[in-house]
Amino acid sequence: MKALTKTFIDALTVKQARKRLTFLQLAKATGVNNVTLSGIVNRRIEAVQERTFDKLNDWLLSED
């Protein structure tokens, strides 16, 4: 399990907002379940599996 920092969650939220993505669209773009994404953004989930973290991190680092 990987702990999610406030900085990581904030970066995820900012990029989602800039791209004007819903949780369903973000789920499709990242490969992470929309319920999981909602829990992360709303800070109900504090740690995720490493592969989930990697998917989100890859999306954050992508330049699209």
C-alpha atoms as a PDB file:
ATOM      1  CA  MET A   1       0.000   0.000   0.000  1.00  0.00           C
ATOM      2  CA  LYS A   2       1.139   3.511  -0.812  1.00  0.00           C
ATOM      3  CA  ALA A   3       0.123   6.454   1.339  1.00  0.00           C
ATOM      4  CA  LEU A   4      -1.338   9.396  -0.551  1.00  0.00           C
ATOM      5  CA  THR A   5       0.057  12.787   0.363  1.00  0.00           C
ATOM      6  CA  LYS A   6      -1.937  16.001   0.341  1.00  0.00           C
ATOM      7  CA  THR A   7       0.346  17.289  -2.428  1.00  0.00           C
ATOM      8  CA  PHE A   8      -0.353  14.245  -4.618  1.00  0.00           C
ATOM      9  CA  ILE A   9      -4.129  14.504  -4.136  1.00  0.00           C
ATOM     10  CA  ASP A  10      -4.038  18.253  -4.785  1.00  0.00           C
ATOM     11  CA  ALA A  11      -2.075  17.704  -8.021  1.00  0.00           C
ATOM     12  CA  LEU A  12      -4.604  15.091  -9.119  1.00  0.00           C
ATOM     13  CA  THR A  13      -7.513  17.423  -8.361  1.00  0.00           C
ATOM     14  CA  VAL A  14      -5.910  20.387 -10.151  1.00  0.00           C
ATOM     15  CA  LYS A  15      -5.166  18.409 -13.326  1.00  0.00           C
ATOM     16  CA  GLN A  16      -8.682  16.936 -13.295  1.00  0.00           C
ATOM     17  CA  ALA A  17     -10.159  20.438 -12.984  1.00  0.00           C
ATOM     18  CA  ARG A  18      -7.921  21.918 -15.694  1.00  0.00           C
ATOM     19  CA  LYS A  19      -8.984  19.187 -18.093  1.00  0.00           C
ATOM     20  CA  ARG A  20     -12.613  19.527 -16.906  1.00  0.00           C
ATOM     21  CA  LEU A  21     -12.946  15.775 -16.388  1.00  0.00           C
ATOM     22  CA  THR A  22     -15.702  13.987 -14.502  1.00  0.00           C
ATOM     23  CA  PHE A  23     -14.774  11.028 -12.295  1.00  0.00           C
ATOM     24  CA  LEU A  24     -15.979   8.685 -15.057  1.00  0.00           C
ATOM     25  CA  GLN A  25     -13.783  10.406 -17.650  1.00  0.00           C
ATOM     26  CA  LEU A  26     -10.839  10.420 -15.253  1.00  0.00           C
ATOM     27  CA  ALA A  27     -11.402   6.731 -14.547  1.00  0.00           C
ATOM     28  CA  LYS A  28     -11.285   5.962 -18.260  1.00  0.00           C
ATOM     29  CA  ALA A  29      -8.123   8.066 -18.719  1.00  0.00           C
ATOM     30  CA  THR A  30      -6.268   6.524 -15.759  1.00  0.00           C
ATOM     31  CA  GLY A  31      -7.624   2.988 -15.582  1.00  0.00           C
ATOM     32  CA  VAL A  32      -8.619   3.507 -11.927  1.00  0.00           C
ATOM     33  CA  ASN A  33     -12.194   2.867 -10.741  1.00  0.00           C
ATOM     34  CA  ASN A  34     -14.323   6.024 -10.470  1.00  0.00           C
ATOM     35  CA  VAL A  35     -15.441   5.151  -6.911  1.00  0.00           C
ATOM     36  CA  THR A  36     -11.788   4.829  -5.889  1.00  0.00           C
ATOM     37  CA  LEU A  37     -11.008   8.186  -7.502  1.00  0.00           C
ATOM     38  CA  SER A  38     -13.898   9.829  -5.677  1.00  0.00           C
ATOM     39  CA  GLY A  39     -12.655   8.425  -2.372  1.00  0.00           C
ATOM     40  CA  ILE A  40      -9.143   9.706  -3.038  1.00  0.00           C
ATOM     41  CA  VAL A  41     -10.217  13.213  -4.074  1.00  0.00           C
ATOM     42  CA  ASN A  42     -12.657  13.477  -1.154  1.00  0.00           C
ATOM     43  CA  ARG A  43      -9.907  12.204   1.198  1.00  0.00           C
ATOM     44  CA  ARG A  44     -11.821   9.139   2.373  1.00  0.00           C
ATOM     45  CA  ILE A  45      -9.053   6.888   1.028  1.00  0.00           C
ATOM     46  CA  GLU A  46      -5.599   7.512   2.499  1.00  0.00           C
ATOM     47  CA  ALA A  47      -3.627   4.666   0.893  1.00  0.00           C
ATOM     48  CA  VAL A  48      -3.920   2.699  -2.345  1.00  0.00           C
ATOM     49  CA  GLN A  49      -2.319  -0.336  -3.913  1.00  0.00           C
ATOM     50  CA  GLU A  50       0.977   0.343  -5.622  1.00  0.00           C
ATOM     51  CA  ARG A  51      -0.417  -0.316  -9.113  1.00  0.00           C
ATOM     52  CA  THR A  52      -3.237   2.198  -8.510  1.00  0.00           C
ATOM     53  CA  PHE A  53      -0.703   4.778  -7.368  1.00  0.00           C
ATOM     54  CA  ASP A  54       1.441   4.060 -10.445  1.00  0.00           C
ATOM     55  CA  LYS A  55      -1.523   4.541 -12.806  1.00  0.00           C
ATOM     56  CA  LEU A  56      -2.392   7.879 -11.217  1.00  0.00           C
ATOM     57  CA  ASN A  57       1.225   9.006 -11.134  1.00  0.00           C
ATOM     58  CA  ASP A  58       1.708   8.100 -14.811  1.00  0.00           C
ATOM     59  CA  TRP A  59      -1.383  10.147 -15.697  1.00  0.00           C
ATOM     60  CA  LEU A  60      -0.136  13.113 -13.659  1.00  0.00           C
ATOM     61  CA  LEU A  61       3.236  13.000 -15.410  1.00  0.00           C
ATOM     62  CA  SER A  62       1.786  12.657 -18.917  1.00  0.00           C
ATOM     63  CA  GLU A  63       1.903  15.785 -21.066  1.00  0.00           C
ATOM     64  CA  ASP A  64      -1.366  15.378 -22.980  1.00  0.00           C
END
